[in-house]
Amino acid sequence: MSEIKVASRYAKSLLDLAIEKKIEKGVKDDMQLFVDTLRANSEFASVVKNPIITLDKKRSILRALFEGKMQNETLAFFDIMVNKGRADVLPGAAKEFINQYNIHNNINTVKVVTAIPLTEASKIDIINKVKAIIGGEVILNTSVDENLIGGLVLTIGDRQFDASISNKLNQLKQAFS
């Protein structure tokens, strides 16, 4: 079974437990802390995925880093994953938990790429327009790509709207050739 499927199944089980215990927001925050820690510390990420490091050592490292900062259920989840020899799946399971939590709570992550940085007013306008179309809460991630020349590329889930000048120029170029 692929790592993505395994991670998805573990994340779904944890989400079901968190919903049952009414602690889903806390567990989501725990998973975000875990993902952020992995991103910030490549050595920690290597330890989690390394099959040579003993299960006891991994468990003690996770406990040392997160005990008192996370829900007991999250720490128990980490223990289960490590005990089953699935510590290497933890990063994927944490990311998948966040995705499933967002879907369950109708939270949409929207990515906007522009040629120049967006103003706060523009960000608010985009958020409001996206909310009007798809509903729910919107988390806006922005980035800058000067190659767009102007306009923007908006990505919501697996849908993309490309209103960049570079895209329009490419369409014209194809139409003339």
C-alpha atoms as a PDB file:
ATOM      1  CA  MET A   1       0.000   0.000   0.000  1.00  0.00           C
ATOM      2  CA  SER A   2       1.339   3.434  -0.875  1.00  0.00           C
ATOM      3  CA  GLU A   3       2.554   5.768   1.854  1.00  0.00           C
ATOM      4  CA  ILE A   4      -0.140   8.303   0.931  1.00  0.00           C
ATOM      5  CA  LYS A   5      -2.935   5.758   1.445  1.00  0.00           C
ATOM      6  CA  VAL A   6      -1.451   4.621   4.745  1.00  0.00           C
ATOM      7  CA  ALA A   7      -1.032   8.217   5.934  1.00  0.00           C
ATOM      8  CA  SER A   8      -4.586   9.015   4.875  1.00  0.00           C
ATOM      9  CA  ARG A   9      -6.031   6.061   6.792  1.00  0.00           C
ATOM     10  CA  TYR A  10      -4.144   6.895   9.980  1.00  0.00           C
ATOM     11  CA  ALA A  11      -5.143  10.562   9.660  1.00  0.00           C
ATOM     12  CA  LYS A  12      -8.797   9.595   9.175  1.00  0.00           C
ATOM     13  CA  SER A  13      -8.712   7.395  12.281  1.00  0.00           C
ATOM     14  CA  LEU A  14      -7.179  10.190  14.338  1.00  0.00           C
ATOM     15  CA  LEU A  15      -9.703  12.708  13.014  1.00  0.00           C
ATOM     16  CA  ASP A  16     -12.587  10.373  13.892  1.00  0.00           C
ATOM     17  CA  LEU A  17     -11.220   9.998  17.433  1.00  0.00           C
ATOM     18  CA  ALA A  18     -10.674  13.747  17.774  1.00  0.00           C
ATOM     19  CA  ILE A  19     -14.225  14.491  16.603  1.00  0.00           C
ATOM     20  CA  GLU A  20     -15.615  11.895  18.997  1.00  0.00           C
ATOM     21  CA  LYS A  21     -13.704  13.484  21.898  1.00  0.00           C
ATOM     22  CA  LYS A  22     -14.439  17.017  20.621  1.00  0.00           C
ATOM     23  CA  ILE A  23     -10.753  17.950  20.488  1.00  0.00           C
ATOM     24  CA  GLU A  24     -10.286  18.192  16.714  1.00  0.00           C
ATOM     25  CA  LYS A  25      -9.066  21.817  16.794  1.00  0.00           C
ATOM     26  CA  GLY A  26      -6.459  20.961  19.440  1.00  0.00           C
ATOM     27  CA  VAL A  27      -5.225  17.920  17.514  1.00  0.00           C
ATOM     28  CA  LYS A  28      -5.105  19.979  14.304  1.00  0.00           C
ATOM     29  CA  ASP A  29      -2.951  22.560  16.120  1.00  0.00           C
ATOM     30  CA  ASP A  30      -0.736  19.694  17.344  1.00  0.00           C
ATOM     31  CA  MET A  31      -0.318  18.379  13.823  1.00  0.00           C
ATOM     32  CA  GLN A  32       0.489  21.869  12.563  1.00  0.00           C
ATOM     33  CA  LEU A  33       3.143  22.196  15.294  1.00  0.00           C
ATOM     34  CA  PHE A  34       4.587  18.824  14.251  1.00  0.00           C
ATOM     35  CA  VAL A  35       4.679  19.799  10.548  1.00  0.00           C
ATOM     36  CA  ASP A  36       6.212  23.186  11.376  1.00  0.00           C
ATOM     37  CA  THR A  37       8.858  21.495  13.542  1.00  0.00           C
ATOM     38  CA  LEU A  38       9.710  19.095  10.713  1.00  0.00           C
ATOM     39  CA  ARG A  39      10.086  22.016   8.289  1.00  0.00           C
ATOM     40  CA  ALA A  40      12.207  24.027  10.703  1.00  0.00           C
ATOM     41  CA  ASN A  41      14.538  21.182  11.683  1.00  0.00           C
ATOM     42  CA  SER A  42      15.762  18.843   8.954  1.00  0.00           C
ATOM     43  CA  GLU A  43      17.662  16.730  11.508  1.00  0.00           C
ATOM     44  CA  PHE A  44      14.409  16.004  13.342  1.00  0.00           C
ATOM     45  CA  ALA A  45      12.756  15.083  10.036  1.00  0.00           C
ATOM     46  CA  SER A  46      15.642  12.704   9.303  1.00  0.00           C
ATOM     47  CA  VAL A  47      15.333  11.066  12.733  1.00  0.00           C
ATOM     48  CA  VAL A  48      11.614  10.453  12.263  1.00  0.00           C
ATOM     49  CA  LYS A  49      12.133   8.771   8.881  1.00  0.00           C
ATOM     50  CA  ASN A  50      15.362   6.907   9.676  1.00  0.00           C
ATOM     51  CA  PRO A  51      14.743   3.138  10.024  1.00  0.00           C
ATOM     52  CA  ILE A  52      18.062   2.596  11.824  1.00  0.00           C
ATOM     53  CA  ILE A  53      17.066   4.655  14.876  1.00  0.00           C
ATOM     54  CA  THR A  54      15.354   2.441  17.436  1.00  0.00           C
ATOM     55  CA  LEU A  55      11.657   2.751  18.172  1.00  0.00           C
ATOM     56  CA  ASP A  56      12.374   3.587  21.826  1.00  0.00           C
ATOM     57  CA  LYS A  57      14.716   6.395  20.804  1.00  0.00           C
ATOM     58  CA  LYS A  58      12.148   7.855  18.389  1.00  0.00           C
ATOM     59  CA  ARG A  59       9.418   7.638  21.023  1.00  0.00           C
ATOM     60  CA  SER A  60      11.596   9.375  23.626  1.00  0.00           C
ATOM     61  CA  ILE A  61      12.569  12.135  21.162  1.00  0.00           C
ATOM     62  CA  LEU A  62       8.920  12.774  20.274  1.00  0.00           C
ATOM     63  CA  ARG A  63       7.958  12.813  23.963  1.00  0.00           C
ATOM     64  CA  ALA A  64      10.837  15.140  24.861  1.00  0.00           C
ATOM     65  CA  LEU A  65       9.892  17.591  22.133  1.00  0.00           C
ATOM     66  CA  PHE A  66       6.116  17.593  22.455  1.00  0.00           C
ATOM     67  CA  GLU A  67       5.032  16.388  25.901  1.00  0.00           C
ATOM     68  CA  GLY A  68       3.116  19.155  27.623  1.00  0.00           C
ATOM     69  CA  LYS A  69       2.685  20.988  24.315  1.00  0.00           C
ATOM     70  CA  MET A  70       0.225  18.578  22.688  1.00  0.00           C
ATOM     71  CA  GLN A  71      -2.978  16.729  23.456  1.00  0.00           C
ATOM     72  CA  ASN A  72      -2.489  13.345  25.125  1.00  0.00           C
ATOM     73  CA  GLU A  73      -4.336  11.752  22.197  1.00  0.00           C
ATOM     74  CA  THR A  74      -1.828  13.186  19.744  1.00  0.00           C
ATOM     75  CA  LEU A  75       1.090  11.856  21.779  1.00  0.00           C
ATOM     76  CA  ALA A  76      -0.646   8.459  22.010  1.00  0.00           C
ATOM     77  CA  PHE A  77      -1.078   8.549  18.224  1.00  0.00           C
ATOM     78  CA  PHE A  78       2.654   9.180  17.823  1.00  0.00           C
ATOM     79  CA  ASP A  79       3.382   6.238  20.160  1.00  0.00           C
ATOM     80  CA  ILE A  80       1.104   3.931  18.167  1.00  0.00           C
ATOM     81  CA  MET A  81       2.689   4.951  14.886  1.00  0.00           C
ATOM     82  CA  VAL A  82       6.200   4.435  16.231  1.00  0.00           C
ATOM     83  CA  ASN A  83       5.296   1.085  17.869  1.00  0.00           C
ATOM     84  CA  LYS A  84       3.880  -0.171  14.561  1.00  0.00           C
ATOM     85  CA  GLY A  85       7.090   0.832  12.787  1.00  0.00           C
ATOM     86  CA  ARG A  86       5.264   3.581  10.911  1.00  0.00           C
ATOM     87  CA  ALA A  87       7.190   6.614  12.179  1.00  0.00           C
ATOM     88  CA  ASP A  88       8.240   7.308   8.595  1.00  0.00           C
ATOM     89  CA  VAL A  89       4.549   7.868   7.761  1.00  0.00           C
ATOM     90  CA  LEU A  90       4.058  10.440  10.551  1.00  0.00           C
ATOM     91  CA  PRO A  91       4.899  13.502   8.413  1.00  0.00           C
ATOM     92  CA  GLY A  92       2.438  12.445   5.726  1.00  0.00           C
ATOM     93  CA  ALA A  93      -0.213  11.527   8.289  1.00  0.00           C
ATOM     94  CA  ALA A  94       0.136  14.931   9.960  1.00  0.00           C
ATOM     95  CA  LYS A  95      -0.254  16.788   6.662  1.00  0.00           C
ATOM     96  CA  GLU A  96      -3.161  14.572   5.667  1.00  0.00           C
ATOM     97  CA  PHE A  97      -4.824  15.140   9.050  1.00  0.00           C
ATOM     98  CA  ILE A  98      -4.683  18.891   8.443  1.00  0.00           C
ATOM     99  CA  ASN A  99      -6.160  18.400   4.948  1.00  0.00           C
ATOM    100  CA  GLN A 100      -8.973  16.202   6.240  1.00  0.00           C
ATOM    101  CA  TYR A 101      -9.649  18.598   9.122  1.00  0.00           C
ATOM    102  CA  ASN A 102      -9.926  21.475   6.639  1.00  0.00           C
ATOM    103  CA  ILE A 103     -12.310  19.504   4.429  1.00  0.00           C
ATOM    104  CA  HIS A 104     -14.424  18.480   7.428  1.00  0.00           C
ATOM    105  CA  ASN A 105     -14.667  22.113   8.576  1.00  0.00           C
ATOM    106  CA  ASN A 106     -15.119  23.629   5.080  1.00  0.00           C
ATOM    107  CA  ILE A 107     -11.805  25.479   5.218  1.00  0.00           C
ATOM    108  CA  ASN A 108     -10.389  26.148   1.762  1.00  0.00           C
ATOM    109  CA  THR A 109      -6.752  26.909   1.092  1.00  0.00           C
ATOM    110  CA  VAL A 110      -6.368  29.275  -1.828  1.00  0.00           C
ATOM    111  CA  LYS A 111      -3.042  29.973  -3.484  1.00  0.00           C
ATOM    112  CA  VAL A 112      -2.539  33.229  -5.370  1.00  0.00           C
ATOM    113  CA  VAL A 113       0.561  33.929  -7.423  1.00  0.00           C
ATOM    114  CA  THR A 114       1.027  37.497  -8.659  1.00  0.00           C
ATOM    115  CA  ALA A 115       3.732  39.473 -10.444  1.00  0.00           C
ATOM    116  CA  ILE A 116       3.976  41.949  -7.553  1.00  0.00           C
ATOM    117  CA  PRO A 117       3.110  41.571  -3.853  1.00  0.00           C
ATOM    118  CA  LEU A 118      -0.594  41.978  -3.036  1.00  0.00           C
ATOM    119  CA  THR A 119      -1.782  44.790  -0.815  1.00  0.00           C
ATOM    120  CA  GLU A 120      -3.824  43.932   2.277  1.00  0.00           C
ATOM    121  CA  ALA A 121      -6.900  45.391   0.580  1.00  0.00           C
ATOM    122  CA  SER A 122      -6.349  43.121  -2.439  1.00  0.00           C
ATOM    123  CA  LYS A 123      -5.959  40.087  -0.186  1.00  0.00           C
ATOM    124  CA  ILE A 124      -9.215  40.876   1.614  1.00  0.00           C
ATOM    125  CA  ASP A 125     -10.976  41.421  -1.717  1.00  0.00           C
ATOM    126  CA  ILE A 126      -9.769  38.055  -3.064  1.00  0.00           C
ATOM    127  CA  ILE A 127     -10.796  36.275   0.151  1.00  0.00           C
ATOM    128  CA  ASN A 128     -14.269  37.824   0.028  1.00  0.00           C
ATOM    129  CA  LYS A 129     -14.769  36.950  -3.649  1.00  0.00           C
ATOM    130  CA  VAL A 130     -13.643  33.355  -3.120  1.00  0.00           C
ATOM    131  CA  LYS A 131     -15.921  33.039  -0.050  1.00  0.00           C
ATOM    132  CA  ALA A 132     -18.858  34.290  -2.128  1.00  0.00           C
ATOM    133  CA  ILE A 133     -18.205  31.627  -4.762  1.00  0.00           C
ATOM    134  CA  ILE A 134     -17.295  28.541  -2.710  1.00  0.00           C
ATOM    135  CA  GLY A 135     -18.381  29.459   0.815  1.00  0.00           C
ATOM    136  CA  GLY A 136     -16.650  28.411   3.991  1.00  0.00           C
ATOM    137  CA  GLU A 137     -13.505  29.816   5.487  1.00  0.00           C
ATOM    138  CA  VAL A 138     -10.619  30.809   3.198  1.00  0.00           C
ATOM    139  CA  ILE A 139      -6.915  30.623   3.985  1.00  0.00           C
ATOM    140  CA  LEU A 140      -4.949  32.682   1.485  1.00  0.00           C
ATOM    141  CA  ASN A 141      -1.371  31.772   0.576  1.00  0.00           C
ATOM    142  CA  THR A 142       0.352  34.309  -1.643  1.00  0.00           C
ATOM    143  CA  SER A 143       3.573  34.263  -3.588  1.00  0.00           C
ATOM    144  CA  VAL A 144       5.255  36.418  -6.217  1.00  0.00           C
ATOM    145  CA  ASP A 145       6.445  35.299  -9.654  1.00  0.00           C
ATOM    146  CA  GLU A 146       7.732  38.184 -11.765  1.00  0.00           C
ATOM    147  CA  ASN A 147       7.527  35.994 -14.896  1.00  0.00           C
ATOM    148  CA  LEU A 148       3.738  36.442 -14.855  1.00  0.00           C
ATOM    149  CA  ILE A 149       4.329  40.073 -15.961  1.00  0.00           C
ATOM    150  CA  GLY A 150       0.949  41.041 -14.485  1.00  0.00           C
ATOM    151  CA  GLY A 151      -2.362  39.562 -13.386  1.00  0.00           C
ATOM    152  CA  LEU A 152      -2.614  36.509 -11.174  1.00  0.00           C
ATOM    153  CA  VAL A 153      -2.907  32.737 -11.002  1.00  0.00           C
ATOM    154  CA  LEU A 154      -5.524  31.540  -8.505  1.00  0.00           C
ATOM    155  CA  THR A 155      -5.538  27.909  -7.339  1.00  0.00           C
ATOM    156  CA  ILE A 156      -8.357  26.432  -5.234  1.00  0.00           C
ATOM    157  CA  GLY A 157      -7.903  22.733  -4.575  1.00  0.00           C
ATOM    158  CA  ASP A 158      -7.367  21.127  -7.964  1.00  0.00           C
ATOM    159  CA  ARG A 159      -8.867  24.036  -9.933  1.00  0.00           C
ATOM    160  CA  GLN A 160      -6.736  26.811 -11.387  1.00  0.00           C
ATOM    161  CA  PHE A 161      -7.703  30.168 -12.890  1.00  0.00           C
ATOM    162  CA  ASP A 162      -4.849  31.768 -14.844  1.00  0.00           C
ATOM    163  CA  ALA A 163      -5.440  35.460 -15.498  1.00  0.00           C
ATOM    164  CA  SER A 164      -1.790  36.341 -15.951  1.00  0.00           C
ATOM    165  CA  ILE A 165      -0.479  38.461 -18.785  1.00  0.00           C
ATOM    166  CA  SER A 166       2.145  35.835 -19.623  1.00  0.00           C
ATOM    167  CA  ASN A 167      -0.661  33.274 -20.093  1.00  0.00           C
ATOM    168  CA  LYS A 168      -2.582  35.676 -22.366  1.00  0.00           C
ATOM    169  CA  LEU A 169       0.585  36.301 -24.413  1.00  0.00           C
ATOM    170  CA  ASN A 170       1.154  32.542 -24.744  1.00  0.00           C
ATOM    171  CA  GLN A 171      -2.448  32.078 -25.937  1.00  0.00           C
ATOM    172  CA  LEU A 172      -1.991  34.814 -28.529  1.00  0.00           C
ATOM    173  CA  LYS A 173       1.306  33.292 -29.641  1.00  0.00           C
ATOM    174  CA  GLN A 174      -0.360  29.891 -30.114  1.00  0.00           C
ATOM    175  CA  ALA A 175      -3.301  31.467 -31.977  1.00  0.00           C
ATOM    176  CA  PHE A 176      -0.942  33.161 -34.448  1.00  0.00           C
ATOM    177  CA  SER A 177       1.256  30.129 -35.083  1.00  0.00           C
END
